[in-house]
Amino acid sequence: MPDMMTLLPIFILLILIGAFAGVLAGLLGVGGGIILVPAFYYAFSSLGYNSPQLMQICLATSLATIIFTSIRSVLSHNKKGAVDWDILKTWAPGIVIGAFVGVFIAAGLRSDTLLLIFGTLALIVGFYMAFSQPNWRLGDTMPTGIKRAILSPIVGFLSVLMGIGGGSLGVPIMTLHGRPIHRAVATAAGFGLIIALPSAITFLFTPIPDTGRPPFNIGHVNIAAFLLIISMTMLTAPIGAKLAHSLDPKPLRRVFAVFLILVALNMLRKAYFG
């Protein structure tokens, strides 16, 4: 068991990360995972933990937190009738399949490869947030048939490789196919639960080498980080939601997009140059 002087910096960093992620999630409607994964990586690596599977720990822990934040979000949105249950039911099987494949692929990859994947996809998400327009369309109805059978596993697969819920990929897919933004955000919260629950449980029972890993891990999930992040995001997400009603979210989304692009570029730098 590490001594308190070793644990204290970890706890302080995780509390600050959780508070920041909660406010941003409430303010901008972005999923916590796209904030938590790089934050976990920088926190653990800066404290000297250099496990060869450090990125897997970050992904798995982020996904574990998404289970609870997604449940809360879906229940809240469902009270307002905003969740499109038909989309959830028809997309769920493919998303779950993709999530399971994502876990087994991620568990076998090197951390620098996952850094490269996260950085590349986060860069795409950042540019989309920065430059997308409300009138952009790929169609007027959600994909069905073969197109849905291809897209739904991709959403689950890529989300697990990034340690994120449904928002960053699901919302663009739905809005580009004619779904109103408030229904897309609400339904994507359900995507997050469908992605996070099977993948986090699988990561929990996937063994990991002891070398260089942070304390309090079960499988790939860091339990200390999970508990602290859940506690803080539950406290600070309502603050962000209140701020969202008093501030214009559009320029804030642009600012966050720039922040995300810089984070993605730094993760790509680490992937290539260490």
Protein backbone atom coordinates (compact mmCIF):
# COMPACT_ATOMS: atom_id res chain seq x y z
CA MET A 1 0.00 0.00 0.00
CA PRO A 2 1.56 3.35 -1.01
CA ASP A 3 2.03 5.90 1.79
CA MET A 4 -0.19 8.96 2.16
CA MET A 5 2.42 11.34 0.72
CA THR A 6 2.37 9.27 -2.47
CA LEU A 7 -1.42 9.05 -2.60
CA LEU A 8 -2.22 12.71 -1.78
CA PRO A 9 -1.04 14.20 -5.11
CA ILE A 10 -3.03 11.53 -7.00
CA PHE A 11 -6.21 12.28 -5.03
CA ILE A 12 -5.84 16.06 -5.46
CA LEU A 13 -5.26 15.75 -9.22
CA LEU A 14 -8.22 13.40 -9.65
CA ILE A 15 -10.53 15.69 -7.66
CA LEU A 16 -9.55 18.64 -9.87
CA ILE A 17 -9.98 16.55 -13.03
CA GLY A 18 -13.44 15.40 -11.94
CA ALA A 19 -14.55 18.93 -11.09
CA PHE A 20 -13.32 20.27 -14.45
CA ALA A 21 -14.88 17.41 -16.44
CA GLY A 22 -18.22 17.83 -14.69
CA VAL A 23 -18.45 21.56 -15.37
CA LEU A 24 -17.52 21.13 -19.04
CA ALA A 25 -19.96 18.25 -19.50
CA GLY A 26 -22.79 20.32 -18.03
CA LEU A 27 -21.80 23.51 -19.83
CA LEU A 28 -21.08 22.20 -23.32
CA GLY A 29 -22.84 18.83 -23.40
CA VAL A 30 -19.59 17.06 -24.30
CA GLY A 31 -18.96 13.57 -23.05
CA GLY A 32 -16.64 13.27 -20.07
CA GLY A 33 -14.44 10.66 -21.69
CA ILE A 34 -12.87 12.99 -24.21
CA ILE A 35 -11.71 15.10 -21.26
CA LEU A 36 -10.98 12.32 -18.78
CA VAL A 37 -8.77 10.08 -20.93
CA PRO A 38 -6.03 12.67 -21.64
CA ALA A 39 -6.38 14.05 -18.11
CA PHE A 40 -5.87 10.59 -16.58
CA TYR A 41 -2.91 9.98 -18.88
CA TYR A 42 -1.18 13.26 -18.00
CA ALA A 43 -1.93 12.84 -14.28
CA PHE A 44 -0.68 9.27 -13.95
CA SER A 45 2.37 9.72 -16.19
CA SER A 46 3.40 12.98 -14.46
CA LEU A 47 3.30 11.12 -11.12
CA GLY A 48 5.73 8.52 -12.46
CA TYR A 49 3.39 5.66 -13.38
CA ASN A 50 4.67 4.25 -16.66
CA SER A 51 2.79 0.99 -17.14
CA PRO A 52 3.03 -0.33 -20.71
CA GLN A 53 -0.79 -0.41 -20.58
CA LEU A 54 -1.29 3.05 -19.08
CA MET A 55 -3.60 4.15 -21.88
CA GLN A 56 -5.74 1.04 -21.40
CA ILE A 57 -6.12 1.99 -17.72
CA CYS A 58 -7.21 5.50 -18.75
CA LEU A 59 -9.72 4.18 -21.30
CA ALA A 60 -11.20 1.56 -18.97
CA THR A 61 -11.52 3.97 -16.02
CA SER A 62 -13.15 6.60 -18.21
CA LEU A 63 -15.66 4.05 -19.53
CA ALA A 64 -16.50 2.93 -15.98
CA THR A 65 -17.42 6.52 -15.03
CA ILE A 66 -19.54 6.87 -18.17
CA ILE A 67 -21.86 4.07 -16.98
CA PHE A 68 -23.12 6.24 -14.12
CA THR A 69 -23.08 9.60 -15.86
CA SER A 70 -24.98 8.11 -18.83
CA ILE A 71 -27.67 6.58 -16.60
CA ARG A 72 -28.21 9.92 -14.91
CA SER A 73 -28.27 11.76 -18.22
CA VAL A 74 -30.69 9.34 -19.93
CA LEU A 75 -33.12 9.45 -17.02
CA SER A 76 -33.00 13.25 -16.97
CA HIS A 77 -33.54 13.57 -20.74
CA ASN A 78 -36.26 10.90 -20.75
CA LYS A 79 -38.35 12.94 -18.30
CA LYS A 80 -38.48 15.59 -21.02
CA GLY A 81 -39.33 13.03 -23.71
CA ALA A 82 -36.12 13.74 -25.62
CA VAL A 83 -34.69 10.19 -25.90
CA ASP A 84 -35.39 8.45 -29.21
CA TRP A 85 -35.82 4.87 -28.01
CA ASP A 86 -36.33 3.50 -31.53
CA ILE A 87 -32.83 4.64 -32.50
CA LEU A 88 -31.38 3.20 -29.29
CA LYS A 89 -33.04 -0.19 -29.75
CA THR A 90 -32.07 -0.57 -33.41
CA TRP A 91 -28.49 0.67 -32.99
CA ALA A 92 -27.75 -1.13 -29.69
CA PRO A 93 -26.82 -4.61 -31.05
CA GLY A 94 -24.21 -3.27 -33.47
CA ILE A 95 -22.80 -0.84 -30.90
CA VAL A 96 -22.39 -3.63 -28.31
CA ILE A 97 -20.63 -5.88 -30.83
CA GLY A 98 -18.27 -3.06 -31.78
CA ALA A 99 -17.60 -2.28 -28.10
CA PHE A 100 -16.62 -5.89 -27.31
CA VAL A 101 -14.30 -6.02 -30.32
CA GLY A 102 -12.83 -2.67 -29.23
CA VAL A 103 -11.98 -3.99 -25.75
CA PHE A 104 -10.10 -7.02 -27.05
CA ILE A 105 -8.25 -4.97 -29.68
CA ALA A 106 -7.37 -2.22 -27.16
CA ALA A 107 -6.11 -4.73 -24.56
CA GLY A 108 -3.55 -6.02 -27.05
CA LEU A 109 -2.27 -2.69 -28.34
CA ARG A 110 0.70 -0.66 -27.12
CA SER A 111 -0.01 2.55 -25.21
CA ASP A 112 1.65 4.69 -27.87
CA THR A 113 -0.62 3.14 -30.53
CA LEU A 114 -3.69 4.04 -28.45
CA LEU A 115 -2.26 7.53 -27.97
CA LEU A 116 -2.02 7.82 -31.74
CA ILE A 117 -5.60 6.59 -32.24
CA PHE A 118 -7.01 8.89 -29.53
CA GLY A 119 -5.07 11.90 -30.80
CA THR A 120 -6.17 11.37 -34.40
CA LEU A 121 -9.86 10.88 -33.58
CA ALA A 122 -9.90 13.71 -31.02
CA LEU A 123 -8.39 15.99 -33.67
CA ILE A 124 -11.24 15.11 -36.05
CA VAL A 125 -13.83 15.73 -33.31
CA GLY A 126 -12.18 19.05 -32.43
CA PHE A 127 -12.23 20.28 -36.04
CA TYR A 128 -15.86 19.17 -36.39
CA MET A 129 -16.82 21.11 -33.24
CA ALA A 130 -14.91 24.15 -34.47
CA PHE A 131 -16.26 24.34 -38.03
CA SER A 132 -19.53 22.38 -38.24
CA GLN A 133 -22.70 24.22 -39.21
CA PRO A 134 -26.28 23.42 -38.09
CA ASN A 135 -27.44 23.03 -41.71
CA TRP A 136 -24.92 20.31 -42.62
CA ARG A 137 -26.73 17.13 -43.72
CA LEU A 138 -25.87 13.68 -45.03
CA GLY A 139 -29.53 12.68 -45.14
CA ASP A 140 -32.97 13.39 -43.74
CA THR A 141 -33.44 10.07 -41.91
CA MET A 142 -31.20 7.89 -39.76
CA PRO A 143 -29.32 5.13 -41.60
CA THR A 144 -31.02 1.73 -41.73
CA GLY A 145 -30.20 -1.70 -43.15
CA ILE A 146 -26.62 -2.29 -44.29
CA LYS A 147 -25.53 1.30 -43.58
CA ARG A 148 -26.69 1.01 -39.94
CA ALA A 149 -25.15 -2.48 -39.68
CA ILE A 150 -21.79 -0.96 -40.67
CA LEU A 151 -21.98 2.32 -38.75
CA SER A 152 -23.25 1.02 -35.40
CA PRO A 153 -20.31 -1.34 -34.68
CA ILE A 154 -17.91 1.40 -35.81
CA VAL A 155 -19.41 3.77 -33.21
CA GLY A 156 -18.95 1.16 -30.46
CA PHE A 157 -15.47 0.15 -31.64
CA LEU A 158 -14.01 3.66 -31.97
CA SER A 159 -15.64 4.84 -28.74
CA VAL A 160 -13.91 2.09 -26.76
CA LEU A 161 -10.56 2.83 -28.40
CA MET A 162 -11.02 6.43 -27.23
CA GLY A 163 -12.60 5.64 -23.84
CA ILE A 164 -15.62 7.83 -24.63
CA GLY A 165 -19.40 7.51 -24.54
CA GLY A 166 -21.80 8.21 -27.36
CA GLY A 167 -21.73 11.99 -27.57
CA SER A 168 -18.63 12.71 -29.63
CA LEU A 169 -19.59 10.27 -32.42
CA GLY A 170 -23.33 9.72 -31.94
CA VAL A 171 -24.39 13.37 -31.90
CA PRO A 172 -22.72 14.24 -35.23
CA ILE A 173 -24.17 11.10 -36.87
CA MET A 174 -27.69 11.96 -35.70
CA THR A 175 -27.60 15.69 -36.46
CA LEU A 176 -26.10 15.03 -39.90
CA HIS A 177 -29.11 12.78 -40.54
CA GLY A 178 -31.77 15.29 -39.56
CA ARG A 179 -32.21 14.63 -35.83
CA PRO A 180 -32.71 17.82 -33.75
CA ILE A 181 -29.69 18.57 -31.57
CA HIS A 182 -31.54 18.18 -28.24
CA ARG A 183 -32.82 14.71 -29.24
CA ALA A 184 -29.39 13.75 -30.58
CA VAL A 185 -27.69 14.69 -27.29
CA ALA A 186 -30.34 12.83 -25.25
CA THR A 187 -30.18 9.69 -27.39
CA ALA A 188 -26.37 9.72 -27.51
CA ALA A 189 -26.37 9.53 -23.71
CA GLY A 190 -28.02 6.13 -24.19
CA PHE A 191 -25.27 5.20 -26.66
CA GLY A 192 -22.82 5.95 -23.85
CA LEU A 193 -24.42 3.41 -21.52
CA ILE A 194 -24.59 0.76 -24.26
CA ILE A 195 -20.88 1.30 -25.00
CA ALA A 196 -19.58 1.70 -21.46
CA LEU A 197 -21.37 -1.08 -19.56
CA PRO A 198 -20.12 -4.15 -21.49
CA SER A 199 -16.67 -2.70 -22.17
CA ALA A 200 -15.97 -1.53 -18.60
CA ILE A 201 -17.07 -4.89 -17.16
CA THR A 202 -14.83 -6.71 -19.64
CA PHE A 203 -11.88 -4.42 -18.81
CA LEU A 204 -12.54 -5.02 -15.09
CA PHE A 205 -11.86 -8.75 -15.53
CA THR A 206 -8.98 -8.40 -17.99
CA PRO A 207 -5.65 -8.93 -16.16
CA ILE A 208 -2.89 -6.33 -16.37
CA PRO A 209 0.83 -6.51 -15.41
CA ASP A 210 1.72 -5.00 -12.02
CA THR A 211 4.71 -3.09 -13.41
CA GLY A 212 4.30 0.68 -13.35
CA ARG A 213 0.54 0.75 -12.84
CA PRO A 214 -1.13 3.20 -10.42
CA PRO A 215 -2.43 1.84 -7.07
CA PHE A 216 -6.01 0.60 -6.57
CA ASN A 217 -6.47 -1.09 -9.92
CA ILE A 218 -8.89 -3.97 -10.51
CA GLY A 219 -8.15 -5.30 -13.97
CA HIS A 220 -7.69 -2.20 -16.11
CA VAL A 221 -10.04 -0.01 -14.05
CA ASN A 222 -8.50 2.33 -11.48
CA ILE A 223 -11.04 2.21 -8.65
CA ALA A 224 -9.71 5.29 -6.81
CA ALA A 225 -9.96 7.42 -9.94
CA PHE A 226 -13.39 6.01 -10.74
CA LEU A 227 -14.86 6.83 -7.31
CA LEU A 228 -13.34 10.32 -7.10
CA ILE A 229 -14.38 11.27 -10.63
CA ILE A 230 -17.96 10.06 -10.15
CA SER A 231 -18.24 11.99 -6.88
CA MET A 232 -16.93 15.23 -8.36
CA THR A 233 -18.79 15.14 -11.68
CA MET A 234 -22.09 14.55 -9.88
CA LEU A 235 -21.39 17.72 -7.87
CA THR A 236 -20.12 19.98 -10.63
CA ALA A 237 -22.15 18.95 -13.72
CA PRO A 238 -25.25 20.82 -12.42
CA ILE A 239 -23.06 23.94 -12.04
CA GLY A 240 -22.08 23.66 -15.70
CA ALA A 241 -25.71 23.12 -16.70
CA LYS A 242 -26.75 26.30 -14.86
CA LEU A 243 -23.95 28.26 -16.53
CA ALA A 244 -25.13 26.97 -19.91
CA HIS A 245 -28.44 28.78 -19.43
CA SER A 246 -26.74 32.10 -18.75
CA LEU A 247 -23.97 31.94 -21.35
CA ASP A 248 -23.94 31.58 -25.13
CA PRO A 249 -22.68 28.01 -25.76
CA LYS A 250 -21.55 28.58 -29.36
CA PRO A 251 -18.34 30.57 -28.66
CA LEU A 252 -17.65 28.30 -25.69
CA ARG A 253 -17.84 25.24 -27.97
CA ARG A 254 -15.34 26.91 -30.30
CA VAL A 255 -12.98 27.57 -27.38
CA PHE A 256 -13.32 23.96 -26.23
CA ALA A 257 -12.70 22.79 -29.80
CA VAL A 258 -9.39 24.70 -29.86
CA PHE A 259 -8.50 23.22 -26.45
CA LEU A 260 -9.33 19.72 -27.71
CA ILE A 261 -7.27 20.20 -30.87
CA LEU A 262 -4.25 21.26 -28.77
CA VAL A 263 -4.69 18.26 -26.46
CA ALA A 264 -4.96 15.95 -29.49
CA LEU A 265 -1.83 17.39 -31.07
CA ASN A 266 0.09 16.94 -27.82
CA MET A 267 -1.02 13.32 -27.57
CA LEU A 268 0.09 12.75 -31.15
CA ARG A 269 3.44 14.30 -30.26
CA LYS A 270 3.79 11.90 -27.32
CA ALA A 271 2.81 8.95 -29.54
CA TYR A 272 5.51 9.80 -32.11
CA PHE A 273 8.28 11.19 -29.93
CA GLY A 274 7.54 9.90 -26.42
